[in-house]
Amino acid sequence: MQLATTKGCGLAIGAYPHFSYNASGGGGTGELGPGPAGGPRTVSFEPASLLIPPLNWRTTRVLGLPLPPGLEIAIAPEQLAGSIDSATGAVQLHFRARFRFRIAGLYRAPDLLIDTLLSTGAAQGQRHRARGQTLSADGTALLVGVASVPPCGDPWLDRLLGLPDEALAMLRCSFKCEP
């Protein structure tokens, strides 16, 4: 199974406004498990093969403006696995990744660990909520998830982001079964 990330993604953390994010060019190859015809099947993506473009001035806008040059948040996936149901269009993927915040060569924070269920259903936390979109006929979907974000241990970044808090992820992507 091939996963491709696209434009039309989003991210929010704490009380900050939503970031619009173009994740075009990302993705990876997964293994589709056995399952009943037309029913849910397991899917697992090898973390080392997953590419999720970083949030930076080229890919990300906040309040219509690009992130400042030099500010970048790299995403290092650790797990992406769950189920996909081609009959109903429902997708549920457990997503765990390290978000690496840095400012040019001047500052690098400890990783923020994000662990959430990305789903085509609804996601709701204390602060954030969103509704996904099931798989369309062409294999596209919107996966959403809300995650608790623990402090990273850097007093400056923890204060800046108001950690602990929660984050909202919105991942627009497409799925293709390889022959």
Foldseek 3Di string as FASTA:
>chain_A
DWKFFAFQKWKDFAPAAIKGFGFGPWTFDWDWADDDVQFKIKIWGQQVGTATDKQFQVTIDGPRHGHDHQWIKGKRWDTWIDIAGPNVLKDKIWTWIWIWTGGHVPDTAATWIWTWIWIQAWEDDPPDIDHKHGQDPQFKIKTKIKTFIADRPPVVVCVVRVPRDMMMIITIMGDDDDD
